Structure formats: structure tokens, C-alpha cells
Amino acid sequence: MVKFKVKTKAVFNGQPPGSTIEVDEAFARKYEALKYLEIVGEVKEQKPKAKADEKGKSAPKKSATKPTAKTKPKGDK
């Protein structure tokens, strides 16, 4: 399915006039004929990114809490 970037010429699907949205080809062609949309161009499909190597991952972070001091109660001797 090919997607198109279109510019709205009127309030369309809750979008204000002049906003750019992505719709499928049949939808874009239909509403362009009715003068609701103007086709700007085709959306190129993005290739999935390669996963990071194990070396690229950072070590788990330590918590930033302060160690608590252990004190004896005042009544104990």
C-alpha cells in the first residue's frame, strides 16, 4: 500500500487547513478530486534499523541514594 503526504485545503478529519498528513493512495486520489486535499508527494518506506551490538549497550546505572548511617539508640550503653 502506497502512502501519500497531502496538504489539507479545508478542515479535514479534524485537521486545520494547510496541515500536512499521510493517507493511503485511494483516499488521497478520491479527496484530491473533490478539492479537499493537495498531494504533496509519496512517502518513502523507512528501512528497519539494525540492532545495536552488545558492546554498544551501557552498563546498568547505580541508584543515587545515599547510604544510611547505622547508629545505636541513645538509651543503649
C-alpha atoms as a PDB file:
ATOM      1  CA  MET A   1       0.000   0.000   0.000  1.00  0.00           C
ATOM      2  CA  VAL A   2       1.447   3.352  -1.056  1.00  0.00           C
ATOM      3  CA  LYS A   3       1.069   6.317   1.266  1.00  0.00           C
ATOM      4  CA  PHE A   4       0.992   9.958   0.202  1.00  0.00           C
ATOM      5  CA  LYS A   5       1.742  13.181   2.030  1.00  0.00           C
ATOM      6  CA  VAL A   6      -1.143  15.552   1.425  1.00  0.00           C
ATOM      7  CA  LYS A   7      -1.883  19.137   2.367  1.00  0.00           C
ATOM      8  CA  THR A   8      -5.413  19.885   3.517  1.00  0.00           C
ATOM      9  CA  LYS A   9      -7.324  22.713   1.836  1.00  0.00           C
ATOM     10  CA  ALA A  10     -10.197  22.701   4.326  1.00  0.00           C
ATOM     11  CA  VAL A  11     -10.909  21.324   7.776  1.00  0.00           C
ATOM     12  CA  PHE A  12     -10.424  17.635   7.108  1.00  0.00           C
ATOM     13  CA  ASN A  13     -10.577  14.740   9.612  1.00  0.00           C
ATOM     14  CA  GLY A  14     -10.202  17.235  12.436  1.00  0.00           C
ATOM     15  CA  GLN A  15      -7.061  18.751  10.891  1.00  0.00           C
ATOM     16  CA  PRO A  16      -6.940  22.505  10.203  1.00  0.00           C
ATOM     17  CA  PRO A  17      -6.498  23.850   6.653  1.00  0.00           C
ATOM     18  CA  GLY A  18      -2.886  23.814   5.488  1.00  0.00           C
ATOM     19  CA  SER A  19      -1.755  20.917   7.674  1.00  0.00           C
ATOM     20  CA  THR A  20       0.221  18.041   6.160  1.00  0.00           C
ATOM     21  CA  ILE A  21      -0.953  14.484   6.852  1.00  0.00           C
ATOM     22  CA  GLU A  22      -0.239  10.984   5.477  1.00  0.00           C
ATOM     23  CA  VAL A  23      -3.015   8.954   3.856  1.00  0.00           C
ATOM     24  CA  ASP A  24      -3.196   5.941   1.550  1.00  0.00           C
ATOM     25  CA  GLU A  25      -3.305   6.299  -2.234  1.00  0.00           C
ATOM     26  CA  ALA A  26      -7.006   5.618  -2.906  1.00  0.00           C
ATOM     27  CA  PHE A  27      -8.082   8.002  -0.144  1.00  0.00           C
ATOM     28  CA  ALA A  28      -5.733  10.733  -1.393  1.00  0.00           C
ATOM     29  CA  ARG A  29      -6.868  10.440  -5.028  1.00  0.00           C
ATOM     30  CA  LYS A  30     -10.561  10.468  -4.051  1.00  0.00           C
ATOM     31  CA  TYR A  31     -10.384  13.603  -1.910  1.00  0.00           C
ATOM     32  CA  GLU A  32      -7.981  15.381  -4.265  1.00  0.00           C
ATOM     33  CA  ALA A  33     -10.647  15.073  -6.977  1.00  0.00           C
ATOM     34  CA  LEU A  34     -13.110  16.729  -4.582  1.00  0.00           C
ATOM     35  CA  LYS A  35     -10.571  19.552  -3.934  1.00  0.00           C
ATOM     36  CA  TYR A  36     -10.259  18.780  -0.212  1.00  0.00           C
ATOM     37  CA  LEU A  37      -6.592  17.754  -0.455  1.00  0.00           C
ATOM     38  CA  GLU A  38      -3.482  18.543  -2.473  1.00  0.00           C
ATOM     39  CA  ILE A  39      -0.995  15.686  -2.956  1.00  0.00           C
ATOM     40  CA  VAL A  40       2.488  16.816  -1.934  1.00  0.00           C
ATOM     41  CA  GLY A  41       4.390  13.591  -2.611  1.00  0.00           C
ATOM     42  CA  GLU A  42       4.859   9.898  -1.890  1.00  0.00           C
ATOM     43  CA  VAL A  43       6.066   8.696   1.487  1.00  0.00           C
ATOM     44  CA  LYS A  44       9.192   6.587   1.211  1.00  0.00           C
ATOM     45  CA  GLU A  45       9.185   3.483   3.380  1.00  0.00           C
ATOM     46  CA  GLN A  46      11.852   3.525   6.073  1.00  0.00           C
ATOM     47  CA  LYS A  47      14.124   0.534   6.398  1.00  0.00           C
ATOM     48  CA  PRO A  48      14.188  -1.052   9.854  1.00  0.00           C
ATOM     49  CA  LYS A  49      17.245  -0.002  11.814  1.00  0.00           C
ATOM     50  CA  ALA A  50      19.877  -2.601  12.656  1.00  0.00           C
ATOM     51  CA  LYS A  51      20.015  -3.614  16.292  1.00  0.00           C
ATOM     52  CA  ALA A  52      22.890  -2.294  18.380  1.00  0.00           C
ATOM     53  CA  ASP A  53      25.760  -4.660  19.161  1.00  0.00           C
ATOM     54  CA  GLU A  54      26.222  -5.918  22.689  1.00  0.00           C
ATOM     55  CA  LYS A  55      29.269  -3.648  23.043  1.00  0.00           C
ATOM     56  CA  GLY A  56      27.147  -0.603  22.294  1.00  0.00           C
ATOM     57  CA  LYS A  57      24.934  -1.094  25.345  1.00  0.00           C
ATOM     58  CA  SER A  58      25.848   0.669  28.573  1.00  0.00           C
ATOM     59  CA  ALA A  59      26.015  -0.947  31.976  1.00  0.00           C
ATOM     60  CA  PRO A  60      23.020  -0.617  34.291  1.00  0.00           C
ATOM     61  CA  LYS A  61      23.144   2.574  36.310  1.00  0.00           C
ATOM     62  CA  LYS A  62      23.501   2.553  40.074  1.00  0.00           C
ATOM     63  CA  SER A  63      20.900   4.266  42.190  1.00  0.00           C
ATOM     64  CA  ALA A  64      21.724   7.727  43.505  1.00  0.00           C
ATOM     65  CA  THR A  65      20.616   7.085  47.087  1.00  0.00           C
ATOM     66  CA  LYS A  66      22.967   7.904  49.947  1.00  0.00           C
ATOM     67  CA  PRO A  67      23.984   5.087  52.286  1.00  0.00           C
ATOM     68  CA  THR A  68      22.267   5.341  55.658  1.00  0.00           C
ATOM     69  CA  ALA A  69      24.407   5.567  58.798  1.00  0.00           C
ATOM     70  CA  LYS A  70      23.681   2.897  61.376  1.00  0.00           C
ATOM     71  CA  THR A  71      23.581   4.406  64.849  1.00  0.00           C
ATOM     72  CA  LYS A  72      22.782   2.956  68.206  1.00  0.00           C
ATOM     73  CA  PRO A  73      19.749   4.231  70.085  1.00  0.00           C
ATOM     74  CA  LYS A  74      20.620   6.805  72.824  1.00  0.00           C
ATOM     75  CA  GLY A  75      19.170   4.726  75.636  1.00  0.00           C
ATOM     76  CA  ASP A  76      21.545   1.783  74.957  1.00  0.00           C
ATOM     77  CA  LYS A  77      25.008   1.720  76.609  1.00  0.00           C
END
